[in-house]
Amino acid sequence: MQRSSPTILWFRKDLRLSDNHALSAAVARGGPVIQVFILEPEDGGTGPMGSAQRWWLHHSLSALSKDLETRGSRLILRRGDAQKVLEALVKETGAEALHWNRRYEPVGMDIDGPLKQHFRDAGLTVESFGGQLLHEPTRLKTTGGTPFRVYTPFWKAVDAGGDPTAPIDAPKAIAAPDRWPDSEALDDWALLPTKPDWAGGFREMWTPGEAGAHQRLKHFISKGLRGYRRGRDFPAEPHVSMLSPHIALGEISPAQIWHATIGLPASVAAEDYVHFRKELVWRDFSYHLLFHFPELPRRNWNARFDDFPWRDNKTGLRAWQKGRTGYPIVDAAMRQLWQHGYMHNRLRMITASFLIKDLMVDWRDGEAWFADTLVDADPASNAASWQWVAGSGADAAPFFRIFNPITQGEKFDPEGTFVRRYLPELAKLPNEFIHKPFEAPEQVLRKAGVVLGETYPQPIVDHRKARETALSAYQEISAGAKSGVRE
């Protein structure tokens, strides 16, 4: 029997039609499906969204709208408080059911729980679904029944659980209502930069949307996965998936990516696809931590770091943001971030270490900058990763693991290919000095057209001395440390 009452499908960070369990259930229910995306206030369920990701959101919503039109449907855009927007839609459409896919950010969860009860009390059928993670953080626990705090046991538990449920196909058609409710215009949301338009490098690099996500996955599986374990640390090599911004807004699901690594030809070594899967699982682990420790983006997981003597180093922070530290691998990475809204994972660790340990700037300042400038900004992965580098997080690298920006550059960009791409002012330096121009003889600099302090900055800090200062500060807080990890 065909239902006549509509179902409202509320899109959030799940902007895809395939492997979308909330959408598939809404279609299976029968009757029209009214898809809505709500631009919530900054303190709403999706939380504040950085400038780079707002650019992505605009194009992702545009792509989703077109995909829905091919199935005889459309996307309604509204902005405001989620409860008020949904109440208005229910009244306008006579909808009797509301579906969404679960979100795991603390603010979003705080909204969704009461919202579900509110609409159930009003007589609606309200259902929420998984699929944004490989495993629900409420269900995966240690043998002692507690949340995981260490990554390796978490990975082993995920791996032992076998492959995630196979992805489901997108619906071939979606029933439309007799009359569509009004929608706001996407352009009126002003998500795109205009004065100035700094997104030229984004447009040349990215294709937001579900189709773009699957094209990127297909390319990676065929071209980049082989040799991934070794090559993933070298920013000039193609062994990175570039899927993270698509995952961040849910244009592709983790299950779809995992299943694409099943049944690969023998030419792809197990160590390559297993290490790639571990990156997917790190995202799950980050959300597991965020779910059980909602203050992860704001407070140190390890309380001893509450006493760390961070510096109010605005000059150093600004030089770091602009890629003007005088250390080429750091500066090239920061300029990649500004140009493309993206940074290679090895470089994220190097740049974070430099800010935290060379400049003694609070990790939260770095996390905030990444949140604004990354197209793949993710509240769980971003916070967990910054705390990992800082040594203050769960299963973190020890604080005394301080990356040397010179040797890191020499090891992972030995020919200077990456540095030359983003620091053209250093392009003519020989390999010997590409990662340490401040050690080059004057005649070498002159031949390369480099004038330190003019065409390229002198180092803003002496790494060796900065390392000693950071270690001394760490020893002080360790001596008088608060015990234990926050609960």
Protein backbone atom coordinates (compact mmCIF):
# COMPACT_ATOMS: atom_id res chain seq x y z
CA MET A 1 0.00 0.00 0.00
CA GLN A 2 1.42 3.37 -1.06
CA ARG A 3 1.66 5.94 1.72
CA SER A 4 0.41 9.40 0.83
CA SER A 5 2.00 11.40 3.63
CA PRO A 6 5.46 12.82 2.95
CA THR A 7 8.69 11.98 4.74
CA ILE A 8 11.14 14.79 5.43
CA LEU A 9 14.74 13.75 4.83
CA TRP A 10 17.10 16.11 6.63
CA PHE A 11 20.53 16.25 5.01
CA ARG A 12 23.47 17.26 7.18
CA LYS A 13 27.09 16.20 6.54
CA ASP A 14 25.87 13.30 4.40
CA LEU A 15 25.50 14.96 1.02
CA ARG A 16 25.13 11.84 -1.11
CA LEU A 17 22.39 9.62 -2.53
CA SER A 18 24.18 6.26 -2.47
CA ASP A 19 24.76 4.42 0.81
CA ASN A 20 22.50 6.94 2.50
CA HIS A 21 20.45 4.85 4.89
CA ALA A 22 18.12 7.65 5.96
CA LEU A 23 17.24 8.43 2.35
CA SER A 24 16.78 4.80 1.35
CA ALA A 25 14.47 4.19 4.32
CA ALA A 26 12.46 7.30 3.46
CA VAL A 27 11.99 6.08 -0.11
CA ALA A 28 11.10 2.57 1.09
CA ARG A 29 8.46 4.01 3.41
CA GLY A 30 6.46 5.05 0.38
CA GLY A 31 5.01 8.43 -0.46
CA PRO A 32 6.80 11.66 -1.32
CA VAL A 33 10.20 12.48 0.13
CA ILE A 34 11.08 16.11 0.81
CA GLN A 35 14.81 16.66 1.12
CA VAL A 36 16.01 19.65 3.11
CA PHE A 37 19.38 21.07 4.06
CA ILE A 38 19.33 23.53 6.94
CA LEU A 39 22.06 26.11 7.34
CA GLU A 40 22.04 26.22 11.12
CA PRO A 41 23.41 29.10 13.21
CA GLU A 42 27.12 29.07 14.04
CA ASP A 43 26.31 27.53 17.42
CA GLY A 44 23.89 25.08 15.84
CA GLY A 45 24.25 21.39 15.18
CA THR A 46 26.78 21.53 12.37
CA GLY A 47 28.90 23.95 14.38
CA PRO A 48 30.91 26.82 12.95
CA MET A 49 32.16 26.12 9.44
CA GLY A 50 35.43 27.57 8.21
CA SER A 51 35.78 29.74 5.12
CA ALA A 52 37.33 26.97 3.02
CA GLN A 53 34.66 24.44 3.85
CA ARG A 54 31.90 26.95 3.20
CA TRP A 55 33.24 27.16 -0.36
CA TRP A 56 33.05 23.38 -0.58
CA LEU A 57 29.55 23.29 0.92
CA HIS A 58 28.22 25.64 -1.77
CA HIS A 59 29.42 23.41 -4.58
CA SER A 60 28.46 20.20 -2.81
CA LEU A 61 24.89 21.40 -2.30
CA SER A 62 24.74 22.46 -5.93
CA ALA A 63 25.88 19.01 -7.03
CA LEU A 64 23.42 17.27 -4.69
CA SER A 65 20.56 19.40 -6.00
CA LYS A 66 21.35 18.36 -9.59
CA ASP A 67 21.61 14.70 -8.58
CA LEU A 68 18.19 14.85 -6.95
CA GLU A 69 16.69 16.46 -10.05
CA THR A 70 17.79 13.48 -12.16
CA ARG A 71 15.60 11.33 -9.90
CA GLY A 72 12.56 13.58 -10.16
CA SER A 73 13.15 15.34 -6.86
CA ARG A 74 14.75 18.49 -5.51
CA LEU A 75 16.61 19.95 -2.54
CA ILE A 76 14.95 22.49 -0.28
CA LEU A 77 17.29 25.00 1.34
CA ARG A 78 16.35 26.73 4.56
CA ARG A 79 18.38 28.49 7.24
CA GLY A 80 17.74 29.03 10.91
CA ASP A 81 17.11 27.02 14.05
CA ALA A 82 16.59 23.39 13.05
CA GLN A 83 13.50 22.82 15.19
CA LYS A 84 11.75 25.90 13.87
CA VAL A 85 12.62 25.11 10.26
CA LEU A 86 11.44 21.51 10.55
CA GLU A 87 8.23 22.52 12.36
CA ALA A 88 7.46 24.90 9.51
CA LEU A 89 8.10 22.20 6.90
CA VAL A 90 5.90 19.70 8.72
CA LYS A 91 3.10 22.25 8.80
CA GLU A 92 3.54 23.21 5.14
CA THR A 93 3.74 19.66 3.80
CA GLY A 94 1.73 17.51 6.19
CA ALA A 95 4.74 15.25 6.67
CA GLU A 96 4.28 12.44 9.18
CA ALA A 97 7.85 11.15 9.28
CA LEU A 98 11.30 12.65 9.73
CA HIS A 99 14.56 10.87 8.85
CA TRP A 100 18.21 11.79 9.29
CA ASN A 101 21.64 10.20 9.57
CA ARG A 102 23.26 10.54 12.96
CA ARG A 103 25.97 13.09 13.67
CA TYR A 104 28.54 12.78 16.42
CA GLU A 105 29.70 16.32 17.14
CA PRO A 106 28.75 17.28 20.73
CA VAL A 107 26.64 20.29 19.72
CA GLY A 108 24.81 18.28 17.07
CA MET A 109 24.06 15.43 19.46
CA ASP A 110 22.80 17.88 22.07
CA ILE A 111 20.31 19.17 19.49
CA ASP A 112 19.29 15.87 17.90
CA GLY A 113 18.26 14.02 21.06
CA PRO A 114 15.67 16.53 22.29
CA LEU A 115 14.61 17.20 18.68
CA LYS A 116 13.80 13.53 18.11
CA GLN A 117 11.71 13.42 21.28
CA HIS A 118 9.97 16.69 20.42
CA PHE A 119 8.72 15.46 17.07
CA ARG A 120 7.80 12.03 18.41
CA ASP A 121 5.73 13.74 21.06
CA ALA A 122 4.07 15.67 18.22
CA GLY A 123 3.02 12.38 16.63
CA LEU A 124 5.68 12.01 13.93
CA THR A 125 7.69 8.91 13.17
CA VAL A 126 11.32 9.96 13.69
CA GLU A 127 14.17 7.66 12.73
CA SER A 128 17.92 8.18 12.74
CA PHE A 129 20.49 6.01 10.97
CA GLY A 130 24.20 5.21 10.99
CA GLY A 131 26.61 5.11 8.10
CA GLN A 132 28.80 8.14 8.71
CA LEU A 133 31.34 5.99 10.57
CA LEU A 134 32.47 2.41 10.17
CA HIS A 135 31.30 1.64 13.71
CA GLU A 136 28.98 3.46 16.07
CA PRO A 137 30.95 4.90 19.04
CA THR A 138 28.28 3.66 21.44
CA ARG A 139 28.80 0.04 20.45
CA LEU A 140 32.54 -0.47 20.11
CA LYS A 141 34.06 -0.99 23.57
CA THR A 142 37.04 -2.63 25.22
CA THR A 143 36.76 -6.09 26.75
CA GLY A 144 36.21 -4.26 30.04
CA GLY A 145 33.19 -2.47 28.61
CA THR A 146 34.83 0.97 28.57
CA PRO A 147 35.60 3.35 25.69
CA PHE A 148 38.89 2.89 23.88
CA ARG A 149 41.71 5.30 24.74
CA VAL A 150 44.49 3.78 22.61
CA TYR A 151 44.40 3.49 18.84
CA THR A 152 46.06 0.10 18.26
CA PRO A 153 43.52 -1.92 20.32
CA PHE A 154 40.77 0.11 18.64
CA TRP A 155 42.12 -0.82 15.20
CA LYS A 156 42.39 -4.48 16.19
CA ALA A 157 38.80 -4.47 17.39
CA VAL A 158 37.60 -2.92 14.12
CA ASP A 159 39.70 -5.31 12.04
CA ALA A 160 38.50 -8.34 14.00
CA GLY A 161 34.90 -7.31 13.34
CA GLY A 162 35.26 -8.01 9.64
CA ASP A 163 34.17 -5.85 6.75
CA PRO A 164 31.48 -3.23 7.36
CA THR A 165 28.03 -3.76 5.92
CA ALA A 166 28.08 -3.53 2.14
CA PRO A 167 27.04 -0.12 0.78
CA ILE A 168 23.56 0.29 -0.66
CA ASP A 169 22.76 1.82 -4.04
CA ALA A 170 21.15 5.19 -4.54
CA PRO A 171 17.40 5.09 -5.18
CA LYS A 172 16.57 5.14 -8.88
CA ALA A 173 13.62 7.47 -8.34
CA ILE A 174 12.28 9.57 -5.48
CA ALA A 175 8.58 10.35 -5.27
CA ALA A 176 7.80 14.07 -5.33
CA PRO A 177 5.01 15.85 -3.44
CA ASP A 178 2.13 17.48 -5.29
CA ARG A 179 3.54 20.86 -4.31
CA TRP A 180 7.05 21.66 -3.20
CA PRO A 181 7.64 23.97 -0.25
CA ASP A 182 9.56 27.15 -0.92
CA SER A 183 13.35 27.04 -0.95
CA GLU A 184 15.93 29.72 -0.39
CA ALA A 185 18.47 30.41 -3.15
CA LEU A 186 21.91 28.95 -2.58
CA ASP A 187 23.61 32.12 -3.81
CA ASP A 188 21.84 34.12 -1.12
CA TRP A 189 23.77 32.21 1.54
CA ALA A 190 26.99 33.92 0.41
CA LEU A 191 29.13 30.85 1.04
CA LEU A 192 31.59 31.76 -1.72
CA PRO A 193 34.38 34.33 -1.35
CA THR A 194 33.95 37.42 -3.52
CA LYS A 195 36.12 40.36 -2.45
CA PRO A 196 38.66 38.96 -2.85
CA ASP A 197 37.91 35.66 -4.54
CA TRP A 198 40.72 33.56 -3.09
CA ALA A 199 39.33 30.23 -4.31
CA GLY A 200 41.03 30.00 -7.71
CA GLY A 201 43.40 27.32 -6.46
CA PHE A 202 40.47 25.42 -5.01
CA ARG A 203 38.67 25.32 -8.34
CA GLU A 204 41.70 23.93 -10.15
CA MET A 205 42.19 21.20 -7.54
CA TRP A 206 38.74 19.97 -6.50
CA THR A 207 35.42 18.70 -7.84
CA PRO A 208 32.99 18.75 -4.90
CA GLY A 209 30.01 16.43 -4.96
CA GLU A 210 29.25 12.73 -4.91
CA ALA A 211 30.41 12.12 -8.48
CA GLY A 212 33.69 13.92 -7.78
CA ALA A 213 34.20 11.77 -4.68
CA HIS A 214 33.81 8.52 -6.62
CA GLN A 215 36.04 9.75 -9.41
CA ARG A 216 38.70 10.56 -6.82
CA LEU A 217 38.33 7.12 -5.21
CA LYS A 218 38.56 5.33 -8.55
CA HIS A 219 41.69 7.26 -9.48
CA PHE A 220 43.34 6.51 -6.16
CA ILE A 221 42.57 2.80 -6.25
CA SER A 222 43.98 2.50 -9.78
CA LYS A 223 46.92 4.92 -9.52
CA GLY A 224 47.83 5.70 -5.92
CA LEU A 225 47.08 2.73 -3.65
CA ARG A 226 49.89 0.56 -4.93
CA GLY A 227 52.94 1.61 -2.91
CA TYR A 228 50.79 3.54 -0.43
CA ARG A 229 52.53 2.37 2.74
CA ARG A 230 55.88 3.82 1.69
CA GLY A 231 54.74 6.60 -0.59
CA ARG A 232 52.13 8.16 1.70
CA ASP A 233 54.84 10.09 3.59
CA PHE A 234 56.22 11.85 0.50
CA PRO A 235 54.20 14.97 -0.40
CA ALA A 236 55.47 15.14 -3.98
CA GLU A 237 54.29 11.59 -4.75
CA PRO A 238 50.74 10.56 -5.75
CA HIS A 239 50.14 8.10 -2.92
CA VAL A 240 47.39 10.02 -1.14
CA SER A 241 43.70 9.54 -1.74
CA MET A 242 42.61 13.21 -1.50
CA LEU A 243 39.26 11.87 -0.29
CA SER A 244 39.19 13.65 3.06
CA PRO A 245 37.10 16.69 2.00
CA HIS A 246 34.56 14.40 0.35
CA ILE A 247 34.35 12.32 3.53
CA ALA A 248 34.06 15.44 5.71
CA LEU A 249 30.76 16.45 4.09
CA GLY A 250 29.59 12.90 3.53
CA GLU A 251 29.75 12.83 -0.26
CA ILE A 252 31.08 9.31 0.09
CA SER A 253 30.75 6.94 3.03
CA PRO A 254 33.57 5.16 4.86
CA ALA A 255 31.92 1.83 4.01
CA GLN A 256 32.06 2.64 0.30
CA ILE A 257 35.75 3.41 0.55
CA TRP A 258 36.50 0.29 2.61
CA HIS A 259 34.66 -1.97 0.18
CA ALA A 260 36.56 -0.47 -2.75
CA THR A 261 39.70 -2.02 -1.19
CA ILE A 262 38.24 -5.55 -1.25
CA GLY A 263 39.15 -7.90 -4.10
CA LEU A 264 42.05 -5.85 -5.40
CA PRO A 265 44.52 -7.37 -7.88
CA ALA A 266 47.57 -9.13 -6.46
CA SER A 267 49.75 -6.22 -7.63
CA VAL A 268 48.41 -4.20 -4.69
CA ALA A 269 50.17 -5.46 -1.57
CA ALA A 270 48.16 -6.16 1.55
CA GLU A 271 50.35 -3.74 3.50
CA ASP A 272 49.19 -0.94 1.21
CA TYR A 273 45.44 -1.35 1.54
CA VAL A 274 45.68 -2.27 5.23
CA HIS A 275 47.55 0.97 5.96
CA PHE A 276 44.99 2.89 3.97
CA ARG A 277 42.20 1.27 5.98
CA LYS A 278 44.01 2.29 9.16
CA GLU A 279 43.65 5.92 8.07
CA LEU A 280 39.89 5.43 7.77
CA VAL A 281 39.85 3.83 11.20
CA TRP A 282 41.84 6.74 12.68
CA ARG A 283 38.88 8.93 11.73
CA ASP A 284 36.56 6.51 13.55
CA PHE A 285 38.90 6.56 16.56
CA SER A 286 38.84 10.37 16.56
CA TYR A 287 35.04 10.36 16.66
CA HIS A 288 35.12 7.68 19.34
CA LEU A 289 37.23 10.05 21.45
CA LEU A 290 35.05 13.06 20.66
CA PHE A 291 31.89 11.14 21.50
CA HIS A 292 33.21 10.07 24.89
CA PHE A 293 35.21 13.25 25.58
CA PRO A 294 33.14 16.12 24.09
CA GLU A 295 35.66 18.75 25.20
CA LEU A 296 38.41 17.29 23.00
CA PRO A 297 38.59 20.38 20.71
CA ARG A 298 38.95 22.74 23.68
CA ARG A 299 40.66 20.99 26.59
CA ASN A 300 43.76 18.86 26.94
CA TRP A 301 42.97 15.17 27.16
CA ASN A 302 45.98 14.88 29.46
CA ALA A 303 45.47 17.35 32.30
CA ARG A 304 49.19 17.84 32.93
CA PHE A 305 49.32 20.05 29.83
CA ASP A 306 46.99 22.54 31.50
CA ASP A 307 50.12 23.98 33.11
CA PHE A 308 52.18 24.19 29.92
CA PRO A 309 53.65 27.70 29.50
CA TRP A 310 52.30 28.59 26.05
CA ARG A 311 53.54 31.87 24.60
CA ASP A 312 51.40 34.71 23.34
CA ASN A 313 53.44 34.71 20.13
CA LYS A 314 51.24 36.55 17.65
CA THR A 315 54.18 37.42 15.38
CA GLY A 316 55.27 33.81 15.18
CA LEU A 317 51.71 32.58 14.64
CA ARG A 318 51.20 35.04 11.79
CA ALA A 319 54.48 34.07 10.13
CA TRP A 320 53.45 30.43 10.38
CA GLN A 321 50.01 31.13 8.90
CA LYS A 322 51.52 33.01 5.95
CA GLY A 323 54.27 30.47 5.25
CA ARG A 324 57.01 32.92 6.22
CA THR A 325 58.92 31.02 8.94
CA GLY A 326 62.19 30.66 7.02
CA TYR A 327 61.95 26.85 7.06
CA PRO A 328 61.05 25.76 3.50
CA ILE A 329 59.16 22.53 4.23
CA VAL A 330 56.97 24.37 6.76
CA ASP A 331 56.38 27.34 4.49
CA ALA A 332 55.65 25.25 1.40
CA ALA A 333 53.09 23.26 3.38
CA MET A 334 51.38 26.38 4.71
CA ARG A 335 51.20 27.86 1.23
CA GLN A 336 49.74 24.62 -0.11
CA LEU A 337 47.07 24.98 2.57
CA TRP A 338 46.30 28.57 1.55
CA GLN A 339 46.30 27.84 -2.17
CA HIS A 340 44.34 24.59 -2.22
CA GLY A 341 42.64 24.33 1.18
CA TYR A 342 44.54 21.11 1.76
CA MET A 343 47.76 19.83 3.28
CA HIS A 344 49.52 16.51 2.97
CA ASN A 345 49.30 14.46 6.18
CA ARG A 346 53.06 14.26 6.80
CA LEU A 347 53.21 18.03 6.44
CA ARG A 348 50.36 18.49 8.89
CA MET A 349 52.50 16.78 11.51
CA ILE A 350 55.59 18.83 10.62
CA THR A 351 53.79 22.18 10.63
CA ALA A 352 51.91 21.38 13.83
CA SER A 353 55.11 20.34 15.59
CA PHE A 354 56.78 23.56 14.48
CA LEU A 355 53.99 25.76 15.79
CA ILE A 356 53.63 23.93 19.09
CA LYS A 357 57.22 23.09 19.92
CA ASP A 358 59.42 25.57 18.03
CA LEU A 359 57.16 28.58 18.55
CA MET A 360 55.49 27.39 21.81
CA VAL A 361 52.06 28.44 20.51
CA ASP A 362 49.02 26.72 22.00
CA TRP A 363 47.82 23.83 19.84
CA ARG A 364 44.30 25.29 19.92
CA ASP A 365 45.48 28.27 17.85
CA GLY A 366 46.76 25.90 15.18
CA GLU A 367 43.60 23.82 15.30
CA ALA A 368 41.51 26.95 14.79
CA TRP A 369 43.57 27.98 11.74
CA PHE A 370 43.24 24.54 10.18
CA ALA A 371 39.50 24.54 10.90
CA ASP A 372 39.13 27.77 8.91
CA THR A 373 41.46 26.98 6.01
CA LEU A 374 41.03 23.23 5.35
CA VAL A 375 38.35 22.03 2.96
CA ASP A 376 38.44 18.75 4.89
CA ALA A 377 38.07 20.40 8.31
CA ASP A 378 36.66 17.82 10.68
CA PRO A 379 35.95 18.52 14.37
CA ALA A 380 37.06 15.07 15.54
CA SER A 381 40.10 14.38 13.34
CA ASN A 382 41.36 17.95 13.59
CA ALA A 383 41.25 18.08 17.39
CA ALA A 384 42.54 14.54 17.92
CA SER A 385 45.42 15.06 15.52
CA TRP A 386 46.52 18.38 17.00
CA GLN A 387 46.44 16.91 20.50
CA TRP A 388 48.37 13.89 19.20
CA VAL A 389 51.20 16.12 17.96
CA ALA A 390 51.09 18.23 21.12
CA GLY A 391 51.51 15.16 23.27
CA SER A 392 48.40 16.07 25.23
CA GLY A 393 45.98 13.72 23.49
CA ALA A 394 44.89 10.10 23.69
CA ASP A 395 47.63 7.68 22.66
CA ALA A 396 49.63 10.74 21.64
CA ALA A 397 53.16 11.01 20.36
CA PRO A 398 55.42 11.93 23.29
CA PHE A 399 56.03 15.66 23.55
CA PHE A 400 59.77 15.14 23.23
CA ARG A 401 59.22 13.85 19.69
CA ILE A 402 60.02 17.18 18.06
CA PHE A 403 60.26 17.22 14.29
CA ASN A 404 63.36 18.85 12.84
CA PRO A 405 62.02 20.82 9.85
CA ILE A 406 65.30 20.52 7.99
CA THR A 407 65.80 16.76 8.29
CA GLN A 408 62.08 16.13 7.72
CA GLY A 409 62.30 18.04 4.47
CA GLU A 410 65.46 16.22 3.41
CA LYS A 411 63.94 12.83 4.20
CA PHE A 412 60.49 13.25 2.69
CA ASP A 413 61.16 15.76 -0.09
CA PRO A 414 64.74 14.79 -0.97
CA GLU A 415 64.78 16.47 -4.39
CA GLY A 416 62.94 19.53 -3.15
CA THR A 417 60.14 18.89 -5.65
CA PHE A 418 57.36 19.87 -3.27
CA VAL A 419 59.17 22.90 -1.89
CA ARG A 420 59.92 24.23 -5.37
CA ARG A 421 56.27 23.84 -6.36
CA TYR A 422 55.02 26.12 -3.58
CA LEU A 423 58.09 28.29 -2.99
CA PRO A 424 59.12 29.30 -6.50
CA GLU A 425 61.44 31.94 -5.02
CA LEU A 426 63.70 29.05 -3.95
CA ALA A 427 63.35 27.01 -7.14
CA LYS A 428 66.91 27.56 -8.36
CA LEU A 429 68.62 26.50 -5.15
CA PRO A 430 70.53 23.21 -5.41
CA ASN A 431 69.12 20.19 -3.55
CA GLU A 432 71.84 20.51 -0.94
CA PHE A 433 70.39 23.78 0.34
CA ILE A 434 66.73 23.66 -0.71
CA HIS A 435 65.67 22.81 2.87
CA LYS A 436 68.22 25.08 4.58
CA PRO A 437 68.83 28.18 2.45
CA PHE A 438 70.16 29.97 5.53
CA GLU A 439 73.20 27.66 5.40
CA ALA A 440 73.93 28.28 1.71
CA PRO A 441 77.08 30.26 0.79
CA GLU A 442 76.46 33.76 -0.48
CA GLN A 443 77.51 32.88 -4.01
CA VAL A 444 75.02 30.00 -4.12
CA LEU A 445 72.22 32.27 -2.94
CA ARG A 446 73.19 34.94 -5.42
CA LYS A 447 73.21 32.47 -8.32
CA ALA A 448 69.76 31.23 -7.30
CA GLY A 449 68.40 34.77 -7.00
CA VAL A 450 67.71 34.40 -3.29
CA VAL A 451 68.21 37.31 -0.90
CA LEU A 452 67.51 36.14 2.64
CA GLY A 453 65.39 38.61 4.52
CA GLU A 454 64.02 40.02 1.25
CA THR A 455 62.97 37.40 -1.31
CA TYR A 456 62.72 34.74 1.39
CA PRO A 457 62.73 35.21 5.18
CA GLN A 458 65.47 34.34 7.59
CA PRO A 459 64.40 31.66 10.11
CA ILE A 460 62.16 33.21 12.75
CA VAL A 461 63.57 30.84 15.36
CA ASP A 462 66.68 28.69 15.82
CA HIS A 463 65.32 25.15 15.82
CA ARG A 464 68.03 23.74 18.07
CA LYS A 465 67.51 26.37 20.76
CA ALA A 466 63.73 26.22 20.40
CA ARG A 467 63.84 22.46 20.91
CA GLU A 468 65.80 22.85 24.13
CA THR A 469 63.35 25.47 25.40
CA ALA A 470 60.35 23.27 24.64
CA LEU A 471 61.89 20.24 26.33
CA SER A 472 62.75 22.30 29.39
CA ALA A 473 59.14 23.51 29.64
CA TYR A 474 57.89 19.96 29.31
CA GLN A 475 60.22 18.72 32.04
CA GLU A 476 58.87 21.39 34.37
CA ILE A 477 55.24 20.39 33.93
CA SER A 478 56.20 16.71 34.15
CA ALA A 479 57.91 17.27 37.50
CA GLY A 480 54.81 18.86 39.00
CA ALA A 481 52.28 17.06 36.85
CA LYS A 482 48.64 16.62 37.64
CA SER A 483 47.95 12.92 37.53
CA GLY A 484 45.54 11.07 35.33
CA VAL A 485 43.56 11.66 32.19
CA ARG A 486 40.30 13.59 32.08
CA GLU A 487 37.19 11.52 32.34
